[in-house]
Amino acid sequence: MLAEIRGRSQITIPAEIIKKLGISEGDKFEITEKDGGIFLCPVVVYPKEKMAKIAKIIKETEADVSRQTAFDSVEDLFADMGINIDDV
């Protein structure tokens, strides 16, 4: 497919590609140049305050995981719960 650069350095992305990738007005892209080519990669941008909340959730989750018991077998897991799997 061919595209032509227009005023203000704008290029129209063909409709087929827009539909295939689910791109819509306002979407953001990381633009890179490599070996003489231009590459567009769709990205999602989150506000800093949202990222801070996500980081807090991750940190709390990691703390919870570190307190979890790891079992060597399913039998050990059930035994910890007071269940003898031979009786089930």
C-alpha atoms as a PDB file:
ATOM      1  CA  MET A   1       0.000   0.000   0.000  1.00  0.00           C
ATOM      2  CA  LEU A   2       1.158   3.469  -0.769  1.00  0.00           C
ATOM      3  CA  ALA A   3       0.666   6.507   1.435  1.00  0.00           C
ATOM      4  CA  GLU A   4       1.626  10.084   0.733  1.00  0.00           C
ATOM      5  CA  ILE A   5       3.029  12.555   3.219  1.00  0.00           C
ATOM      6  CA  ARG A   6       0.867  15.669   3.361  1.00  0.00           C
ATOM      7  CA  GLY A   7       1.071  19.088   4.936  1.00  0.00           C
ATOM      8  CA  ARG A   8       2.208  19.245   8.546  1.00  0.00           C
ATOM      9  CA  SER A   9       4.050  15.916   8.034  1.00  0.00           C
ATOM     10  CA  GLN A  10       0.834  13.864   8.167  1.00  0.00           C
ATOM     11  CA  ILE A  11       0.300  10.420   6.641  1.00  0.00           C
ATOM     12  CA  THR A  12      -3.044   8.651   6.350  1.00  0.00           C
ATOM     13  CA  ILE A  13      -2.951   5.026   7.474  1.00  0.00           C
ATOM     14  CA  PRO A  14      -5.065   2.891   5.104  1.00  0.00           C
ATOM     15  CA  ALA A  15      -8.524   1.995   6.460  1.00  0.00           C
ATOM     16  CA  GLU A  16      -7.870  -1.759   6.170  1.00  0.00           C
ATOM     17  CA  ILE A  17      -4.963  -1.506   8.599  1.00  0.00           C
ATOM     18  CA  ILE A  18      -6.931   0.746  10.961  1.00  0.00           C
ATOM     19  CA  LYS A  19      -9.782  -1.799  11.088  1.00  0.00           C
ATOM     20  CA  LYS A  20      -7.481  -4.819  11.390  1.00  0.00           C
ATOM     21  CA  LEU A  21      -5.586  -3.317  14.337  1.00  0.00           C
ATOM     22  CA  GLY A  22      -8.627  -1.722  15.992  1.00  0.00           C
ATOM     23  CA  ILE A  23      -7.047   1.722  15.931  1.00  0.00           C
ATOM     24  CA  SER A  24      -9.236   4.728  16.635  1.00  0.00           C
ATOM     25  CA  GLU A  25      -8.881   8.499  16.807  1.00  0.00           C
ATOM     26  CA  GLY A  26      -6.803   9.593  19.770  1.00  0.00           C
ATOM     27  CA  ASP A  27      -4.754   6.390  20.005  1.00  0.00           C
ATOM     28  CA  LYS A  28      -1.068   6.961  20.713  1.00  0.00           C
ATOM     29  CA  PHE A  29       1.964   5.479  18.966  1.00  0.00           C
ATOM     30  CA  GLU A  30       5.648   5.092  19.662  1.00  0.00           C
ATOM     31  CA  ILE A  31       7.440   6.172  16.478  1.00  0.00           C
ATOM     32  CA  THR A  32      10.931   4.890  15.788  1.00  0.00           C
ATOM     33  CA  GLU A  33      13.329   5.022  12.886  1.00  0.00           C
ATOM     34  CA  LYS A  34      15.579   2.086  12.104  1.00  0.00           C
ATOM     35  CA  ASP A  35      17.671   1.350   9.054  1.00  0.00           C
ATOM     36  CA  GLY A  36      15.866   4.013   7.040  1.00  0.00           C
ATOM     37  CA  GLY A  37      12.380   2.747   7.952  1.00  0.00           C
ATOM     38  CA  ILE A  38       9.688   4.364  10.089  1.00  0.00           C
ATOM     39  CA  PHE A  39       7.899   2.105  12.565  1.00  0.00           C
ATOM     40  CA  LEU A  40       4.665   2.846  14.434  1.00  0.00           C
ATOM     41  CA  CYS A  41       3.799   0.825  17.537  1.00  0.00           C
ATOM     42  CA  PRO A  42       0.486   1.402  19.355  1.00  0.00           C
ATOM     43  CA  VAL A  43       0.965   2.202  23.052  1.00  0.00           C
ATOM     44  CA  VAL A  44      -1.188   2.922  26.073  1.00  0.00           C
ATOM     45  CA  VAL A  45      -0.231   5.909  28.195  1.00  0.00           C
ATOM     46  CA  TYR A  46      -1.232   5.911  31.861  1.00  0.00           C
ATOM     47  CA  PRO A  47      -1.181   9.017  34.078  1.00  0.00           C
ATOM     48  CA  LYS A  48       1.522   8.979  36.792  1.00  0.00           C
ATOM     49  CA  GLU A  49      -1.029   8.838  39.625  1.00  0.00           C
ATOM     50  CA  LYS A  50      -2.586   5.690  38.115  1.00  0.00           C
ATOM     51  CA  MET A  51       0.851   4.099  37.787  1.00  0.00           C
ATOM     52  CA  ALA A  52       1.563   4.930  41.457  1.00  0.00           C
ATOM     53  CA  LYS A  53      -1.640   3.115  42.463  1.00  0.00           C
ATOM     54  CA  ILE A  54      -0.705   0.105  40.316  1.00  0.00           C
ATOM     55  CA  ALA A  55       2.805   0.048  41.824  1.00  0.00           C
ATOM     56  CA  LYS A  56       1.285   0.086  45.340  1.00  0.00           C
ATOM     57  CA  ILE A  57      -1.017  -2.838  44.484  1.00  0.00           C
ATOM     58  CA  ILE A  58       1.915  -4.824  43.072  1.00  0.00           C
ATOM     59  CA  LYS A  59       4.033  -4.123  46.157  1.00  0.00           C
ATOM     60  CA  GLU A  60       1.212  -5.233  48.479  1.00  0.00           C
ATOM     61  CA  THR A  61       0.647  -8.372  46.386  1.00  0.00           C
ATOM     62  CA  GLU A  62       4.344  -9.259  46.474  1.00  0.00           C
ATOM     63  CA  ALA A  63       4.291  -8.939  50.271  1.00  0.00           C
ATOM     64  CA  ASP A  64       1.273 -11.288  50.420  1.00  0.00           C
ATOM     65  CA  VAL A  65       2.959 -13.817  48.143  1.00  0.00           C
ATOM     66  CA  SER A  66       6.118 -13.880  50.269  1.00  0.00           C
ATOM     67  CA  ARG A  67       3.986 -15.007  53.236  1.00  0.00           C
ATOM     68  CA  GLN A  68       2.440 -17.888  51.264  1.00  0.00           C
ATOM     69  CA  THR A  69       3.488 -21.469  51.881  1.00  0.00           C
ATOM     70  CA  ALA A  70       4.916 -23.369  48.945  1.00  0.00           C
ATOM     71  CA  PHE A  71       4.072 -27.067  48.894  1.00  0.00           C
ATOM     72  CA  ASP A  72       6.149 -29.824  47.349  1.00  0.00           C
ATOM     73  CA  SER A  73       3.102 -31.870  46.411  1.00  0.00           C
ATOM     74  CA  VAL A  74      -0.672 -31.810  46.220  1.00  0.00           C
ATOM     75  CA  GLU A  75      -0.736 -34.265  49.094  1.00  0.00           C
ATOM     76  CA  ASP A  76       1.186 -31.790  51.281  1.00  0.00           C
ATOM     77  CA  LEU A  77      -1.242 -29.016  50.312  1.00  0.00           C
ATOM     78  CA  PHE A  78      -4.274 -31.081  51.333  1.00  0.00           C
ATOM     79  CA  ALA A  79      -2.539 -32.285  54.506  1.00  0.00           C
ATOM     80  CA  ASP A  80      -1.968 -28.646  55.480  1.00  0.00           C
ATOM     81  CA  MET A  81      -5.732 -28.143  55.150  1.00  0.00           C
ATOM     82  CA  GLY A  82      -6.374 -31.225  57.282  1.00  0.00           C
ATOM     83  CA  ILE A  83      -7.587 -33.339  54.366  1.00  0.00           C
ATOM     84  CA  ASN A  84      -6.307 -36.841  53.742  1.00  0.00           C
ATOM     85  CA  ILE A  85      -6.667 -37.375  49.972  1.00  0.00           C
ATOM     86  CA  ASP A  86      -6.806 -41.138  50.493  1.00  0.00           C
ATOM     87  CA  ASP A  87     -10.111 -40.603  52.337  1.00  0.00           C
ATOM     88  CA  VAL A  88     -11.660 -38.618  49.484  1.00  0.00           C
END
